């Protein structure tokens, strides 16, 4: 299982220092939210460029925006290696996937909690990975939703083995074995890592807690 820290949970007033706290962690997740497709707003391309120039970590981008295709060229120019956009924002998902892959990058589709996973099957030949949002804002906060496990399990059955499955949203260390059993191979973790006194040590402790043979 891969664990990728999400910069969205870092202190936005000190992104450079927060990235430095990751030490030798070699990957970083960028949530790009436009305040239109989703209620919140994180940052735009200027910040992405600044992050990319500051770190040698492998970067992936999760586009929670209304017009994902508008971002692809700029993200690729920054050296982003993986780009996922929400299927809910794409009238023609194949066009997005084709454009990302034509630039030599990994292409993914992201699904909101309520979106039926069966919609992915039509694009399985172009998919490199799927990002499942495993929570949604409600009165209880941003907690992991148990329904996600059922949806991910069903999608693992209909998608080729080569398609990587990611979980993002309210994921705690205790949930990792259950996600692994459902077929998840990559997990996005934000607060768990960045709220630790030493993000690098916490990251390694999480990896060490996984069953032998499932650490990456």
C-alpha atoms as a PDB file:
ATOM      1  CA  UNK A   1       0.000   0.000   0.000  1.00  0.00           C
ATOM      2  CA  UNK A   2       1.177   3.493  -0.871  1.00  0.00           C
ATOM      3  CA  UNK A   3       0.553   6.321   1.582  1.00  0.00           C
ATOM      4  CA  UNK A   4       0.532   9.839   0.088  1.00  0.00           C
ATOM      5  CA  UNK A   5       0.388  12.950   2.309  1.00  0.00           C
ATOM      6  CA  UNK A   6      -2.091  15.632   1.231  1.00  0.00           C
ATOM      7  CA  UNK A   7      -0.752  19.177   1.305  1.00  0.00           C
ATOM      8  CA  UNK A   8      -4.327  20.443   1.827  1.00  0.00           C
ATOM      9  CA  UNK A   9      -3.946  19.535   5.508  1.00  0.00           C
ATOM     10  CA  UNK A  10      -0.732  21.513   5.928  1.00  0.00           C
ATOM     11  CA  UNK A  11      -0.468  25.052   7.284  1.00  0.00           C
ATOM     12  CA  UNK A  12      -1.318  27.201   4.223  1.00  0.00           C
ATOM     13  CA  UNK A  13       0.759  30.100   5.575  1.00  0.00           C
ATOM     14  CA  UNK A  14       3.939  28.015   5.580  1.00  0.00           C
ATOM     15  CA  UNK A  15       3.729  25.531   2.720  1.00  0.00           C
ATOM     16  CA  UNK A  16       7.465  25.479   2.071  1.00  0.00           C
ATOM     17  CA  UNK A  17       8.277  24.702   5.698  1.00  0.00           C
ATOM     18  CA  UNK A  18       5.474  22.130   5.844  1.00  0.00           C
ATOM     19  CA  UNK A  19       6.855  20.321   2.803  1.00  0.00           C
ATOM     20  CA  UNK A  20      10.310  20.349   4.399  1.00  0.00           C
ATOM     21  CA  UNK A  21       8.830  18.636   7.477  1.00  0.00           C
ATOM     22  CA  UNK A  22       8.060  15.628   5.279  1.00  0.00           C
ATOM     23  CA  UNK A  23      11.765  14.887   5.077  1.00  0.00           C
ATOM     24  CA  UNK A  24      12.479  11.932   2.805  1.00  0.00           C
ATOM     25  CA  UNK A  25       8.836  11.175   1.993  1.00  0.00           C
ATOM     26  CA  UNK A  26       8.937  10.978  -1.792  1.00  0.00           C
ATOM     27  CA  UNK A  27       5.329  11.750  -2.768  1.00  0.00           C
ATOM     28  CA  UNK A  28       2.790  14.525  -2.242  1.00  0.00           C
ATOM     29  CA  UNK A  29      -0.901  14.909  -3.110  1.00  0.00           C
ATOM     30  CA  UNK A  30      -2.294  18.220  -4.374  1.00  0.00           C
ATOM     31  CA  UNK A  31      -6.008  18.905  -3.928  1.00  0.00           C
ATOM     32  CA  UNK A  32      -6.967  21.682  -6.322  1.00  0.00           C
ATOM     33  CA  UNK A  33     -10.413  23.008  -5.348  1.00  0.00           C
ATOM     34  CA  UNK A  34     -11.975  25.926  -7.201  1.00  0.00           C
ATOM     35  CA  UNK A  35     -14.789  26.822  -4.789  1.00  0.00           C
ATOM     36  CA  UNK A  36     -17.247  26.131  -7.590  1.00  0.00           C
ATOM     37  CA  UNK A  37     -17.314  22.390  -8.161  1.00  0.00           C
ATOM     38  CA  UNK A  38     -16.936  21.938  -4.415  1.00  0.00           C
ATOM     39  CA  UNK A  39     -17.720  24.329  -1.546  1.00  0.00           C
ATOM     40  CA  UNK A  40     -14.139  24.917  -0.445  1.00  0.00           C
ATOM     41  CA  UNK A  41     -11.154  26.468  -2.205  1.00  0.00           C
ATOM     42  CA  UNK A  42      -7.513  25.484  -1.784  1.00  0.00           C
ATOM     43  CA  UNK A  43      -5.134  26.962  -4.361  1.00  0.00           C
ATOM     44  CA  UNK A  44      -4.556  27.450  -8.066  1.00  0.00           C
ATOM     45  CA  UNK A  45      -1.748  27.014 -10.538  1.00  0.00           C
ATOM     46  CA  UNK A  46       0.545  29.677  -9.050  1.00  0.00           C
ATOM     47  CA  UNK A  47       0.742  27.678  -5.834  1.00  0.00           C
ATOM     48  CA  UNK A  48       1.134  24.417  -7.730  1.00  0.00           C
ATOM     49  CA  UNK A  49       4.108  25.879  -9.584  1.00  0.00           C
ATOM     50  CA  UNK A  50       5.636  27.087  -6.316  1.00  0.00           C
ATOM     51  CA  UNK A  51       5.233  23.647  -4.722  1.00  0.00           C
ATOM     52  CA  UNK A  52       6.666  21.890  -7.767  1.00  0.00           C
ATOM     53  CA  UNK A  53       9.717  24.141  -7.751  1.00  0.00           C
ATOM     54  CA  UNK A  54      10.261  23.606  -4.016  1.00  0.00           C
ATOM     55  CA  UNK A  55      10.220  19.814  -3.859  1.00  0.00           C
ATOM     56  CA  UNK A  56      11.591  16.812  -5.728  1.00  0.00           C
ATOM     57  CA  UNK A  57       8.759  14.614  -4.457  1.00  0.00           C
ATOM     58  CA  UNK A  58       6.505  12.931  -7.008  1.00  0.00           C
ATOM     59  CA  UNK A  59       3.348  15.029  -7.274  1.00  0.00           C
ATOM     60  CA  UNK A  60      -0.176  14.000  -8.172  1.00  0.00           C
ATOM     61  CA  UNK A  61      -3.117  16.348  -8.654  1.00  0.00           C
ATOM     62  CA  UNK A  62      -6.747  15.797  -7.657  1.00  0.00           C
ATOM     63  CA  UNK A  63      -8.873  18.244  -9.644  1.00  0.00           C
ATOM     64  CA  UNK A  64     -12.027  19.233  -7.786  1.00  0.00           C
ATOM     65  CA  UNK A  65     -12.865  21.881 -10.351  1.00  0.00           C
ATOM     66  CA  UNK A  66     -15.614  22.688 -12.838  1.00  0.00           C
ATOM     67  CA  UNK A  67     -13.438  22.585 -15.971  1.00  0.00           C
ATOM     68  CA  UNK A  68     -10.689  19.975 -15.461  1.00  0.00           C
ATOM     69  CA  UNK A  69      -9.420  20.073 -19.043  1.00  0.00           C
ATOM     70  CA  UNK A  70      -8.341  23.693 -18.541  1.00  0.00           C
ATOM     71  CA  UNK A  71      -5.703  22.551 -16.038  1.00  0.00           C
ATOM     72  CA  UNK A  72      -4.072  19.638 -17.838  1.00  0.00           C
ATOM     73  CA  UNK A  73      -1.479  21.490 -19.924  1.00  0.00           C
ATOM     74  CA  UNK A  74      -0.276  23.633 -17.022  1.00  0.00           C
ATOM     75  CA  UNK A  75      -0.075  20.682 -14.635  1.00  0.00           C
ATOM     76  CA  UNK A  76       1.945  18.669 -17.110  1.00  0.00           C
ATOM     77  CA  UNK A  77       4.321  21.588 -17.627  1.00  0.00           C
ATOM     78  CA  UNK A  78       4.922  21.595 -13.845  1.00  0.00           C
ATOM     79  CA  UNK A  79       5.935  17.952 -13.950  1.00  0.00           C
ATOM     80  CA  UNK A  80       2.863  16.536 -12.207  1.00  0.00           C
ATOM     81  CA  UNK A  81       2.993  12.784 -12.811  1.00  0.00           C
ATOM     82  CA  UNK A  82      -0.613  11.763 -12.119  1.00  0.00           C
ATOM     83  CA  UNK A  83      -3.819  13.740 -12.686  1.00  0.00           C
ATOM     84  CA  UNK A  84      -7.335  12.763 -11.623  1.00  0.00           C
ATOM     85  CA  UNK A  85     -10.519  14.694 -12.358  1.00  0.00           C
ATOM     86  CA  UNK A  86     -14.041  14.107 -11.122  1.00  0.00           C
ATOM     87  CA  UNK A  87     -16.250  12.131 -13.432  1.00  0.00           C
ATOM     88  CA  UNK A  88     -19.111  14.375 -12.272  1.00  0.00           C
ATOM     89  CA  UNK A  89     -17.357  17.377 -13.888  1.00  0.00           C
ATOM     90  CA  UNK A  90     -16.587  15.630 -17.182  1.00  0.00           C
ATOM     91  CA  UNK A  91     -19.270  15.387 -19.875  1.00  0.00           C
ATOM     92  CA  UNK A  92     -16.807  13.253 -21.873  1.00  0.00           C
ATOM     93  CA  UNK A  93     -14.380  11.536 -19.492  1.00  0.00           C
ATOM     94  CA  UNK A  94     -12.595   9.741 -22.353  1.00  0.00           C
ATOM     95  CA  UNK A  95     -11.423  13.098 -23.701  1.00  0.00           C
ATOM     96  CA  UNK A  96      -9.813  14.010 -20.386  1.00  0.00           C
ATOM     97  CA  UNK A  97      -8.191  10.604 -19.950  1.00  0.00           C
ATOM     98  CA  UNK A  98      -6.887  10.626 -23.508  1.00  0.00           C
ATOM     99  CA  UNK A  99      -5.361  14.074 -23.156  1.00  0.00           C
ATOM    100  CA  UNK A 100      -3.544  13.260 -19.910  1.00  0.00           C
ATOM    101  CA  UNK A 101      -2.175   9.966 -21.236  1.00  0.00           C
ATOM    102  CA  UNK A 102      -1.105  11.558 -24.520  1.00  0.00           C
ATOM    103  CA  UNK A 103       1.274  13.694 -22.474  1.00  0.00           C
ATOM    104  CA  UNK A 104       2.867  10.669 -20.869  1.00  0.00           C
ATOM    105  CA  UNK A 105       1.112  11.095 -17.516  1.00  0.00           C
ATOM    106  CA  UNK A 106      -1.044   8.720 -15.469  1.00  0.00           C
ATOM    107  CA  UNK A 107      -4.766   9.488 -15.807  1.00  0.00           C
ATOM    108  CA  UNK A 108      -7.410   8.931 -13.177  1.00  0.00           C
ATOM    109  CA  UNK A 109     -11.068   9.507 -12.488  1.00  0.00           C
ATOM    110  CA  UNK A 110     -12.315  10.637  -9.081  1.00  0.00           C
ATOM    111  CA  UNK A 111     -15.748   9.764  -7.714  1.00  0.00           C
ATOM    112  CA  UNK A 112     -17.786  11.572  -5.106  1.00  0.00           C
ATOM    113  CA  UNK A 113     -19.270   9.399  -2.391  1.00  0.00           C
ATOM    114  CA  UNK A 114     -22.745   9.296  -3.990  1.00  0.00           C
ATOM    115  CA  UNK A 115     -21.537   8.407  -7.511  1.00  0.00           C
ATOM    116  CA  UNK A 116     -22.171   4.857  -8.703  1.00  0.00           C
ATOM    117  CA  UNK A 117     -18.900   3.063  -9.379  1.00  0.00           C
ATOM    118  CA  UNK A 118     -20.341   1.101 -12.313  1.00  0.00           C
ATOM    119  CA  UNK A 119     -19.860   4.215 -14.479  1.00  0.00           C
ATOM    120  CA  UNK A 120     -16.119   3.470 -14.476  1.00  0.00           C
ATOM    121  CA  UNK A 121     -16.372   0.303 -16.531  1.00  0.00           C
ATOM    122  CA  UNK A 122     -16.911   2.232 -19.778  1.00  0.00           C
ATOM    123  CA  UNK A 123     -13.475   3.855 -19.385  1.00  0.00           C
ATOM    124  CA  UNK A 124     -11.471   0.931 -18.002  1.00  0.00           C
ATOM    125  CA  UNK A 125      -9.213   0.755 -21.074  1.00  0.00           C
ATOM    126  CA  UNK A 126      -8.006   4.335 -20.472  1.00  0.00           C
ATOM    127  CA  UNK A 127      -7.857   4.365 -16.690  1.00  0.00           C
ATOM    128  CA  UNK A 128      -4.610   4.216 -14.758  1.00  0.00           C
ATOM    129  CA  UNK A 129      -6.244   4.783 -11.381  1.00  0.00           C
ATOM    130  CA  UNK A 130      -9.487   5.659  -9.611  1.00  0.00           C
ATOM    131  CA  UNK A 131      -9.702   8.006  -6.628  1.00  0.00           C
ATOM    132  CA  UNK A 132     -12.667   7.306  -4.354  1.00  0.00           C
ATOM    133  CA  UNK A 133     -13.783  10.084  -2.032  1.00  0.00           C
ATOM    134  CA  UNK A 134     -14.601   8.172   1.139  1.00  0.00           C
ATOM    135  CA  UNK A 135     -16.352  10.949   3.003  1.00  0.00           C
ATOM    136  CA  UNK A 136     -18.567  13.982   2.512  1.00  0.00           C
ATOM    137  CA  UNK A 137     -19.138  17.052   4.694  1.00  0.00           C
ATOM    138  CA  UNK A 138     -22.047  16.637   7.111  1.00  0.00           C
ATOM    139  CA  UNK A 139     -23.053  17.528  10.671  1.00  0.00           C
ATOM    140  CA  UNK A 140     -20.612  14.944  12.021  1.00  0.00           C
ATOM    141  CA  UNK A 141     -17.675  16.433  10.142  1.00  0.00           C
ATOM    142  CA  UNK A 142     -15.461  14.798   7.545  1.00  0.00           C
ATOM    143  CA  UNK A 143     -15.607  11.230   8.808  1.00  0.00           C
ATOM    144  CA  UNK A 144     -14.982   8.099   6.760  1.00  0.00           C
ATOM    145  CA  UNK A 145     -18.182   6.577   5.379  1.00  0.00           C
ATOM    146  CA  UNK A 146     -18.542   2.797   5.696  1.00  0.00           C
ATOM    147  CA  UNK A 147     -20.443   2.628   2.402  1.00  0.00           C
ATOM    148  CA  UNK A 148     -17.155   3.350   0.636  1.00  0.00           C
ATOM    149  CA  UNK A 149     -15.860  -0.136   1.421  1.00  0.00           C
ATOM    150  CA  UNK A 150     -18.760  -1.768  -0.412  1.00  0.00           C
ATOM    151  CA  UNK A 151     -18.390   0.501  -3.446  1.00  0.00           C
ATOM    152  CA  UNK A 152     -14.640  -0.039  -3.709  1.00  0.00           C
ATOM    153  CA  UNK A 153     -15.051  -3.814  -3.418  1.00  0.00           C
ATOM    154  CA  UNK A 154     -17.539  -3.834  -6.306  1.00  0.00           C
ATOM    155  CA  UNK A 155     -15.293  -1.644  -8.469  1.00  0.00           C
ATOM    156  CA  UNK A 156     -12.309  -3.908  -7.855  1.00  0.00           C
ATOM    157  CA  UNK A 157     -14.335  -6.734  -9.402  1.00  0.00           C
ATOM    158  CA  UNK A 158     -15.276  -4.845 -12.580  1.00  0.00           C
ATOM    159  CA  UNK A 159     -11.957  -3.085 -13.278  1.00  0.00           C
ATOM    160  CA  UNK A 160      -8.747  -4.650 -14.610  1.00  0.00           C
ATOM    161  CA  UNK A 161      -6.121  -5.488 -11.997  1.00  0.00           C
ATOM    162  CA  UNK A 162      -3.746  -2.940 -13.519  1.00  0.00           C
ATOM    163  CA  UNK A 163      -6.081  -0.077 -12.483  1.00  0.00           C
ATOM    164  CA  UNK A 164      -4.914   1.316  -9.143  1.00  0.00           C
ATOM    165  CA  UNK A 165      -7.573   2.089  -6.517  1.00  0.00           C
ATOM    166  CA  UNK A 166      -7.106   5.089  -4.205  1.00  0.00           C
ATOM    167  CA  UNK A 167      -9.041   6.106  -1.080  1.00  0.00           C
ATOM    168  CA  UNK A 168      -9.195   9.728   0.054  1.00  0.00           C
ATOM    169  CA  UNK A 169     -11.197  11.213   2.908  1.00  0.00           C
ATOM    170  CA  UNK A 170     -11.266  10.604   6.639  1.00  0.00           C
ATOM    171  CA  UNK A 171      -8.881   7.668   6.393  1.00  0.00           C
ATOM    172  CA  UNK A 172      -7.279   6.726   9.704  1.00  0.00           C
ATOM    173  CA  UNK A 173      -4.486   4.284  10.409  1.00  0.00           C
ATOM    174  CA  UNK A 174      -7.003   1.818  11.870  1.00  0.00           C
ATOM    175  CA  UNK A 175      -8.900   1.668   8.562  1.00  0.00           C
ATOM    176  CA  UNK A 176      -5.924   0.670   6.438  1.00  0.00           C
ATOM    177  CA  UNK A 177      -6.263  -3.139   6.785  1.00  0.00           C
ATOM    178  CA  UNK A 178      -9.927  -2.965   5.778  1.00  0.00           C
ATOM    179  CA  UNK A 179      -9.162  -0.792   2.756  1.00  0.00           C
ATOM    180  CA  UNK A 180      -6.356  -3.122   1.763  1.00  0.00           C
ATOM    181  CA  UNK A 181      -8.763  -6.067   1.906  1.00  0.00           C
ATOM    182  CA  UNK A 182     -11.131  -4.216  -0.477  1.00  0.00           C
ATOM    183  CA  UNK A 183      -8.411  -3.795  -3.093  1.00  0.00           C
ATOM    184  CA  UNK A 184      -7.152  -0.300  -2.257  1.00  0.00           C
ATOM    185  CA  UNK A 185      -3.436   0.083  -2.949  1.00  0.00           C
ATOM    186  CA  UNK A 186      -3.035   3.836  -2.373  1.00  0.00           C
ATOM    187  CA  UNK A 187      -4.353   5.987   0.463  1.00  0.00           C
ATOM    188  CA  UNK A 188      -4.337   9.774   0.820  1.00  0.00           C
ATOM    189  CA  UNK A 189      -3.738  10.912   4.406  1.00  0.00           C
ATOM    190  CA  UNK A 190      -3.703  14.539   5.462  1.00  0.00           C
ATOM    191  CA  UNK A 191      -4.332  15.484   9.072  1.00  0.00           C
ATOM    192  CA  UNK A 192      -2.934  12.203  10.402  1.00  0.00           C
ATOM    193  CA  UNK A 193       0.457  13.068   8.944  1.00  0.00           C
ATOM    194  CA  UNK A 194       0.659  16.857   8.996  1.00  0.00           C
ATOM    195  CA  UNK A 195      -0.761  17.204  12.521  1.00  0.00           C
ATOM    196  CA  UNK A 196       1.962  14.939  13.903  1.00  0.00           C
ATOM    197  CA  UNK A 197       4.945  16.534  15.619  1.00  0.00           C
ATOM    198  CA  UNK A 198       7.143  14.712  13.105  1.00  0.00           C
ATOM    199  CA  UNK A 199       5.281  13.933   9.850  1.00  0.00           C
ATOM    200  CA  UNK A 200       8.190  11.837   8.571  1.00  0.00           C
ATOM    201  CA  UNK A 201       8.230   9.639  11.687  1.00  0.00           C
ATOM    202  CA  UNK A 202       4.441   9.277  11.647  1.00  0.00           C
ATOM    203  CA  UNK A 203       4.534   8.287   7.982  1.00  0.00           C
ATOM    204  CA  UNK A 204       7.097   5.577   8.675  1.00  0.00           C
ATOM    205  CA  UNK A 205       5.159   4.364  11.701  1.00  0.00           C
ATOM    206  CA  UNK A 206       2.034   3.970   9.537  1.00  0.00           C
ATOM    207  CA  UNK A 207       3.971   1.996   6.922  1.00  0.00           C
ATOM    208  CA  UNK A 208       5.484  -0.235   9.586  1.00  0.00           C
ATOM    209  CA  UNK A 209       2.009  -1.028  10.943  1.00  0.00           C
ATOM    210  CA  UNK A 210       0.946  -2.617   7.644  1.00  0.00           C
ATOM    211  CA  UNK A 211       1.198  -6.372   7.176  1.00  0.00           C
ATOM    212  CA  UNK A 212       4.552  -7.518   5.820  1.00  0.00           C
ATOM    213  CA  UNK A 213       4.492  -7.509   2.024  1.00  0.00           C
ATOM    214  CA  UNK A 214       2.070  -4.583   1.771  1.00  0.00           C
ATOM    215  CA  UNK A 215       4.502  -1.734   2.444  1.00  0.00           C
ATOM    216  CA  UNK A 216       5.640   0.605  -0.349  1.00  0.00           C
END
